Each structure stands twice: as structure tokens, then as C-alpha cells.
Amino acid sequence: MVGEAAAVTSDPPAKKPILVARGDPCSAEMQAYLPEHIQGPGLITDYRHWQIPLGRRFRSLKMWFVFRMYGVRGLQAYIRKHVALSHEFESLVRQDPRFEICTEVILGLVCFRLKGSNELNEALLQRINSAKKIHLVPCRLRDKFVLRFAVCSRTVESTHVQLAWEHIRELASSVLRAEKE
């Protein structure tokens, strides 16, 4: 039986440019994740190669640690809590007539957007992420620019979801005011 070895080094692997092939159906979606101001060789560190290779002996190691930490019932409770928090965020979004939910809420992911143009939503995302209180990741769904809110922190509570929503609402108001001017 051949064993596997993991090499740990203090030097990061060489930065590799992230390429998107022309004609690739995902290229538009990738550009949503990699805006123009950060695209290019040497600007993004690819962290995928900074881990233990998940070969024969390490394939299930990550899940083993999760089960060891939470147990089956604890993991079930953890997932249920995040699903409930994502539905709480969904209900907050639905209460504001300026916003729309774009897809069914699955696990801890809520896809939403301001009703209006893609440019309006891009401006909102830029303000949200530059404020650095929360971080949202966009995607394109049926040619619409969509904001994605993910409940994924171990320590997240309902108060955090409500604070995030208030922050989003305030910034949406400022974006809409700026658009009217």
C-alpha cells in the first residue's frame, strides 16, 4: 500500500493567473466574481493549493473533524439554525417593496436584488463591500445581477442577520437617492 505525504512549506506557491476562456458559458459569471480592477496576472493568490491534498487518506478528514466537533445531532441543529436564519433574512427582504427574491432559498443562501437595473445593483454591491461591515458576492441569474447573502459563520445569530439587513437597507436608500439626483 502506497502512503501519501503532505509537504508543508512556509513559501506560498507561485501566483497563477486565473484565466477565463473566450466562449466559455461561465465567463460572464466568473467576471461577477472577479471584477476588472482585480483581474490580471499576479493580482489574485490561488489558495486552493495551500492545503493537504485530499487523496485516499485525507479525503474525509474535513468531514471527520466536523462530526467530531459537533456530533450528528449538533450538525443537524447547526444546519437547521442556518436554514432558519436564511429564511428570516428572506422574510426581511420580502417586507421591503424595493427588493425582490430571485430564487428559492436553499440552505443558508439568499439571492436577492434591488428592483431596477443591473447597474443599480452593482452600485449597491460596491457600497456594501467597500463599507466592510458585511461582504456579499454577486452572480448573474437570467441576465440579472444578483446579490447573494450567505449565512455561514459558526457564531451567527438573529441579531447579526438583522444588523446586516439594516445596513443593506441604509445603503440601498443612499444608492436610490444618488440615482435620482
Protein backbone atom coordinates (compact mmCIF):
# COMPACT_ATOMS: atom_id res chain seq x y z
CA MET A 1 0.00 0.00 0.00
CA VAL A 2 1.41 3.32 -1.02
CA GLY A 3 1.07 6.09 1.58
CA GLU A 4 0.54 9.74 0.91
CA ALA A 5 2.68 12.57 2.13
CA ALA A 6 1.89 16.18 2.73
CA ALA A 7 4.59 18.79 2.37
CA VAL A 8 4.29 21.92 4.46
CA THR A 9 6.28 24.92 3.36
CA SER A 10 6.49 28.49 4.55
CA ASP A 11 6.70 29.79 0.99
CA PRO A 12 3.41 30.31 -0.79
CA PRO A 13 3.03 28.63 -4.16
CA ALA A 14 3.66 30.82 -7.17
CA LYS A 15 0.74 33.05 -8.04
CA LYS A 16 -1.04 31.72 -11.08
CA PRO A 17 -3.25 33.92 -13.21
CA ILE A 18 -6.88 32.92 -13.27
CA LEU A 19 -7.89 32.55 -16.89
CA VAL A 20 -11.36 32.57 -18.36
CA ALA A 21 -11.57 31.12 -21.86
CA ARG A 22 -13.39 33.08 -24.53
CA GLY A 23 -16.66 31.47 -25.46
CA ASP A 24 -16.87 29.82 -22.04
CA PRO A 25 -20.53 29.91 -20.93
CA CYS A 26 -19.39 30.70 -17.39
CA SER A 27 -17.19 33.64 -18.37
CA ALA A 28 -19.87 36.23 -17.56
CA GLU A 29 -20.49 34.62 -14.18
CA MET A 30 -16.76 34.48 -13.44
CA GLN A 31 -16.42 38.17 -14.18
CA ALA A 32 -19.01 38.83 -11.49
CA TYR A 33 -16.64 37.13 -9.03
CA LEU A 34 -13.50 38.68 -10.49
CA PRO A 35 -14.18 42.36 -11.23
CA GLU A 36 -11.90 44.11 -13.70
CA HIS A 37 -9.97 46.01 -11.03
CA ILE A 38 -8.56 42.75 -9.60
CA GLN A 39 -8.17 40.65 -12.75
CA GLY A 40 -4.75 40.07 -14.17
CA PRO A 41 -1.61 38.03 -13.54
CA GLY A 42 -0.20 38.21 -10.05
CA LEU A 43 -3.16 40.05 -8.54
CA ILE A 44 -5.01 37.08 -7.06
CA THR A 45 -3.47 34.39 -4.88
CA ASP A 46 -4.92 30.95 -5.59
CA TYR A 47 -5.34 29.40 -2.13
CA ARG A 48 -6.66 26.06 -3.44
CA HIS A 49 -3.14 24.66 -3.40
CA TRP A 50 -2.38 25.66 0.22
CA GLN A 51 -3.97 22.61 1.81
CA ILE A 52 -3.34 18.95 2.45
CA PRO A 53 -4.11 17.04 -0.74
CA LEU A 54 -7.41 15.23 -0.32
CA GLY A 55 -6.25 11.85 -1.60
CA ARG A 56 -7.00 8.39 -0.25
CA ARG A 57 -6.14 9.03 3.41
CA PHE A 58 -7.21 12.67 3.67
CA ARG A 59 -10.39 12.61 1.58
CA SER A 60 -12.80 12.51 4.50
CA LEU A 61 -10.62 14.25 7.07
CA LYS A 62 -12.50 17.54 6.87
CA MET A 63 -15.87 15.87 7.49
CA TRP A 64 -14.40 13.76 10.29
CA PHE A 65 -13.34 16.94 12.11
CA VAL A 66 -16.84 18.42 11.67
CA PHE A 67 -18.53 15.28 13.02
CA ARG A 68 -16.00 15.09 15.85
CA MET A 69 -16.64 18.73 16.81
CA TYR A 70 -20.45 18.77 16.54
CA GLY A 71 -21.66 15.18 16.51
CA VAL A 72 -24.54 14.17 14.26
CA ARG A 73 -27.23 15.91 16.33
CA GLY A 74 -25.12 19.03 16.74
CA LEU A 75 -24.50 19.19 12.99
CA GLN A 76 -28.23 18.78 12.32
CA ALA A 77 -29.00 21.60 14.77
CA TYR A 78 -26.30 23.78 13.17
CA ILE A 79 -27.75 23.30 9.67
CA ARG A 80 -31.32 23.87 10.87
CA LYS A 81 -30.27 27.09 12.61
CA HIS A 82 -28.63 28.44 9.45
CA VAL A 83 -31.64 27.49 7.33
CA ALA A 84 -33.92 29.31 9.80
CA LEU A 85 -31.66 32.39 9.76
CA SER A 86 -31.63 32.46 5.96
CA HIS A 87 -35.44 32.28 5.92
CA GLU A 88 -35.50 35.13 8.45
CA PHE A 89 -33.36 37.20 6.07
CA GLU A 90 -35.65 36.23 3.19
CA SER A 91 -38.70 37.47 5.11
CA LEU A 92 -36.94 40.79 5.83
CA VAL A 93 -36.18 41.21 2.12
CA ARG A 94 -39.78 40.38 1.14
CA GLN A 95 -41.10 43.06 3.53
CA ASP A 96 -39.26 45.80 1.63
CA PRO A 97 -41.00 46.56 -1.70
CA ARG A 98 -37.76 47.90 -3.20
CA PHE A 99 -36.22 44.40 -3.23
CA GLU A 100 -37.03 41.07 -4.81
CA ILE A 101 -36.02 37.48 -4.06
CA CYS A 102 -34.57 35.90 -7.22
CA THR A 103 -34.54 32.17 -6.39
CA GLU A 104 -35.79 29.75 -3.81
CA VAL A 105 -33.80 29.99 -0.59
CA ILE A 106 -31.63 26.88 -0.28
CA LEU A 107 -29.83 26.06 2.97
CA GLY A 108 -28.13 29.31 4.02
CA LEU A 109 -28.11 31.16 0.70
CA VAL A 110 -30.50 34.01 -0.17
CA CYS A 111 -30.30 35.50 -3.69
CA PHE A 112 -31.90 38.95 -3.88
CA ARG A 113 -31.63 42.26 -5.69
CA LEU A 114 -32.96 45.79 -5.78
CA LYS A 115 -35.78 46.13 -8.27
CA GLY A 116 -34.24 48.05 -11.14
CA SER A 117 -31.24 47.92 -13.40
CA ASN A 118 -28.13 45.78 -13.10
CA GLU A 119 -26.08 48.97 -12.71
CA LEU A 120 -28.13 49.91 -9.66
CA ASN A 121 -27.40 46.54 -8.05
CA GLU A 122 -23.72 46.75 -8.97
CA ALA A 123 -23.56 50.16 -7.27
CA LEU A 124 -25.26 48.73 -4.18
CA LEU A 125 -22.82 45.81 -4.04
CA GLN A 126 -19.87 48.17 -4.41
CA ARG A 127 -21.10 50.28 -1.48
CA ILE A 128 -21.81 47.24 0.69
CA ASN A 129 -18.40 45.69 0.16
CA SER A 130 -16.47 48.96 0.40
CA ALA A 131 -18.12 49.71 3.76
CA LYS A 132 -16.55 46.44 5.02
CA LYS A 133 -19.25 45.69 7.60
CA ILE A 134 -20.52 42.70 5.62
CA HIS A 135 -19.39 41.07 2.39
CA LEU A 136 -21.71 39.92 -0.38
CA VAL A 137 -20.81 38.00 -3.51
CA PRO A 138 -22.71 38.59 -6.75
CA CYS A 139 -23.80 36.30 -9.55
CA ARG A 140 -25.68 36.62 -12.80
CA LEU A 141 -29.01 34.85 -12.96
CA ARG A 142 -31.06 35.06 -16.16
CA ASP A 143 -29.06 38.16 -17.21
CA LYS A 144 -29.78 39.89 -13.89
CA PHE A 145 -27.08 41.00 -11.47
CA VAL A 146 -27.99 39.30 -8.18
CA LEU A 147 -26.61 39.76 -4.65
CA ARG A 148 -26.05 36.64 -2.57
CA PHE A 149 -26.36 36.67 1.22
CA ALA A 150 -24.88 33.54 2.80
CA VAL A 151 -25.43 32.56 6.42
CA CYS A 152 -22.24 30.62 7.07
CA SER A 153 -20.49 31.74 10.26
CA ARG A 154 -20.35 29.40 13.23
CA THR A 155 -21.32 32.17 15.63
CA VAL A 156 -24.03 33.96 13.63
CA GLU A 157 -27.23 34.88 15.45
CA SER A 158 -30.51 36.53 14.52
CA THR A 159 -29.19 39.92 15.64
CA HIS A 160 -26.37 39.66 13.08
CA VAL A 161 -28.85 38.94 10.29
CA GLN A 162 -30.99 41.91 11.33
CA LEU A 163 -27.97 44.23 11.54
CA ALA A 164 -26.82 43.10 8.08
CA TRP A 165 -30.28 43.78 6.66
CA GLU A 166 -30.43 47.26 8.23
CA HIS A 167 -27.01 48.01 6.75
CA ILE A 168 -28.16 46.84 3.29
CA ARG A 169 -31.37 48.92 3.54
CA GLU A 170 -29.46 52.08 4.50
CA LEU A 171 -27.03 51.68 1.63
CA ALA A 172 -29.87 50.89 -0.79
CA SER A 173 -31.56 54.14 0.24
CA SER A 174 -28.37 56.09 -0.43
CA VAL A 175 -27.91 54.41 -3.83
CA LEU A 176 -31.50 55.19 -4.81
CA ARG A 177 -31.11 58.83 -3.68
CA ALA A 178 -27.92 59.16 -5.72
CA GLU A 179 -29.67 57.71 -8.77
CA LYS A 180 -32.48 60.28 -8.55
CA GLU A 181 -30.01 63.19 -8.44
